[in-house]
Amino acid sequence: MIILGTIVAIVTAIIISSFLGPYGLLTMLAVGFGFLFSIHARLREVQSDLKQIKQHLGITEVKEAKVSNEEIEAELEREMVVARE
């Protein structure tokens, strides 16, 4: 449905542009701005809905804990000792 609407809007903009002559470019820019604004508003709405769904389901993004180089080296050494045995 969105693709059909986009095609209809583009064809309409081209027809209006041909009838309006020098104002046609301005009309096409206005239609393009309208499309961008519409897409942006819809994207914000979808992101908001997704955030609400995640909150409702209790889904959180897991962030990696900060581990120092010394801790990593110590863990690798322990693993090497276990692997030798």
Protein backbone atom coordinates (compact mmCIF):
# COMPACT_ATOMS: atom_id res chain seq x y z
CA MET A 1 0.00 0.00 0.00
CA ILE A 2 2.84 2.37 0.82
CA ILE A 3 4.54 1.66 -2.51
CA LEU A 4 1.32 2.35 -4.41
CA GLY A 5 0.87 5.64 -2.54
CA THR A 6 4.45 6.63 -3.30
CA ILE A 7 4.04 5.91 -7.00
CA VAL A 8 0.76 7.83 -7.16
CA ALA A 9 2.32 10.81 -5.37
CA ILE A 10 5.33 10.86 -7.70
CA VAL A 11 3.15 10.68 -10.81
CA THR A 12 0.90 13.42 -9.40
CA ALA A 13 3.92 15.60 -8.65
CA ILE A 14 5.24 15.18 -12.18
CA ILE A 15 1.84 16.05 -13.69
CA ILE A 16 1.46 19.12 -11.46
CA SER A 17 5.04 20.09 -12.26
CA SER A 18 4.36 19.98 -15.98
CA PHE A 19 1.26 22.18 -15.61
CA LEU A 20 2.87 24.73 -13.30
CA GLY A 21 6.00 25.30 -15.36
CA PRO A 22 8.65 27.19 -13.35
CA TYR A 23 6.80 26.51 -10.09
CA GLY A 24 6.93 22.79 -10.80
CA LEU A 25 10.34 22.35 -9.18
CA LEU A 26 9.12 24.09 -6.05
CA THR A 27 6.07 21.84 -6.00
CA MET A 28 8.19 18.72 -6.35
CA LEU A 29 10.50 19.89 -3.55
CA ALA A 30 7.47 20.47 -1.32
CA VAL A 31 6.15 16.98 -2.08
CA GLY A 32 9.59 15.50 -1.39
CA PHE A 33 9.77 17.33 1.93
CA GLY A 34 6.32 16.00 2.77
CA PHE A 35 7.47 12.45 2.06
CA LEU A 36 10.55 12.83 4.22
CA PHE A 37 8.55 14.32 7.07
CA SER A 38 5.96 11.54 6.82
CA ILE A 39 8.63 8.82 6.84
CA HIS A 40 10.41 10.45 9.79
CA ALA A 41 7.18 10.72 11.80
CA ARG A 42 6.26 7.10 11.07
CA LEU A 43 9.76 5.91 12.04
CA ARG A 44 9.55 7.74 15.37
CA GLU A 45 6.16 6.15 16.00
CA VAL A 46 7.50 2.66 15.25
CA GLN A 47 10.52 3.23 17.52
CA SER A 48 8.23 4.40 20.32
CA ASP A 49 6.01 1.33 19.91
CA LEU A 50 9.04 -0.96 19.92
CA LYS A 51 10.34 0.66 23.10
CA GLN A 52 6.96 0.16 24.79
CA ILE A 53 6.86 -3.50 23.70
CA LYS A 54 10.37 -4.08 25.08
CA GLN A 55 9.42 -2.46 28.38
CA HIS A 56 6.23 -4.53 28.61
CA LEU A 57 8.09 -7.78 27.93
CA GLY A 58 10.99 -6.85 30.20
CA ILE A 59 13.54 -7.06 27.42
CA THR A 60 16.64 -5.00 28.08
CA GLU A 61 19.81 -4.57 26.13
CA VAL A 62 22.72 -6.38 27.71
CA LYS A 63 25.81 -4.24 28.04
CA GLU A 64 29.20 -5.84 28.36
CA ALA A 65 30.93 -5.35 31.67
CA LYS A 66 34.21 -3.48 31.56
CA VAL A 67 37.03 -5.92 32.17
CA SER A 68 40.61 -4.86 32.66
CA ASN A 69 43.47 -6.37 30.68
CA GLU A 70 44.89 -7.93 33.84
CA GLU A 71 41.65 -9.81 34.51
CA ILE A 72 41.56 -11.08 30.93
CA GLU A 73 45.17 -12.23 31.12
CA ALA A 74 44.55 -13.98 34.46
CA GLU A 75 41.53 -15.80 33.03
CA LEU A 76 43.48 -16.89 29.96
CA GLU A 77 46.29 -18.20 32.17
CA ARG A 78 43.79 -20.19 34.26
CA GLU A 79 42.30 -21.68 31.09
CA MET A 80 45.76 -22.61 29.81
CA VAL A 81 46.52 -24.39 33.11
CA VAL A 82 43.26 -26.32 32.92
CA ALA A 83 43.91 -27.22 29.26
CA ARG A 84 47.37 -28.65 30.11
CA GLU A 85 45.93 -30.98 32.73
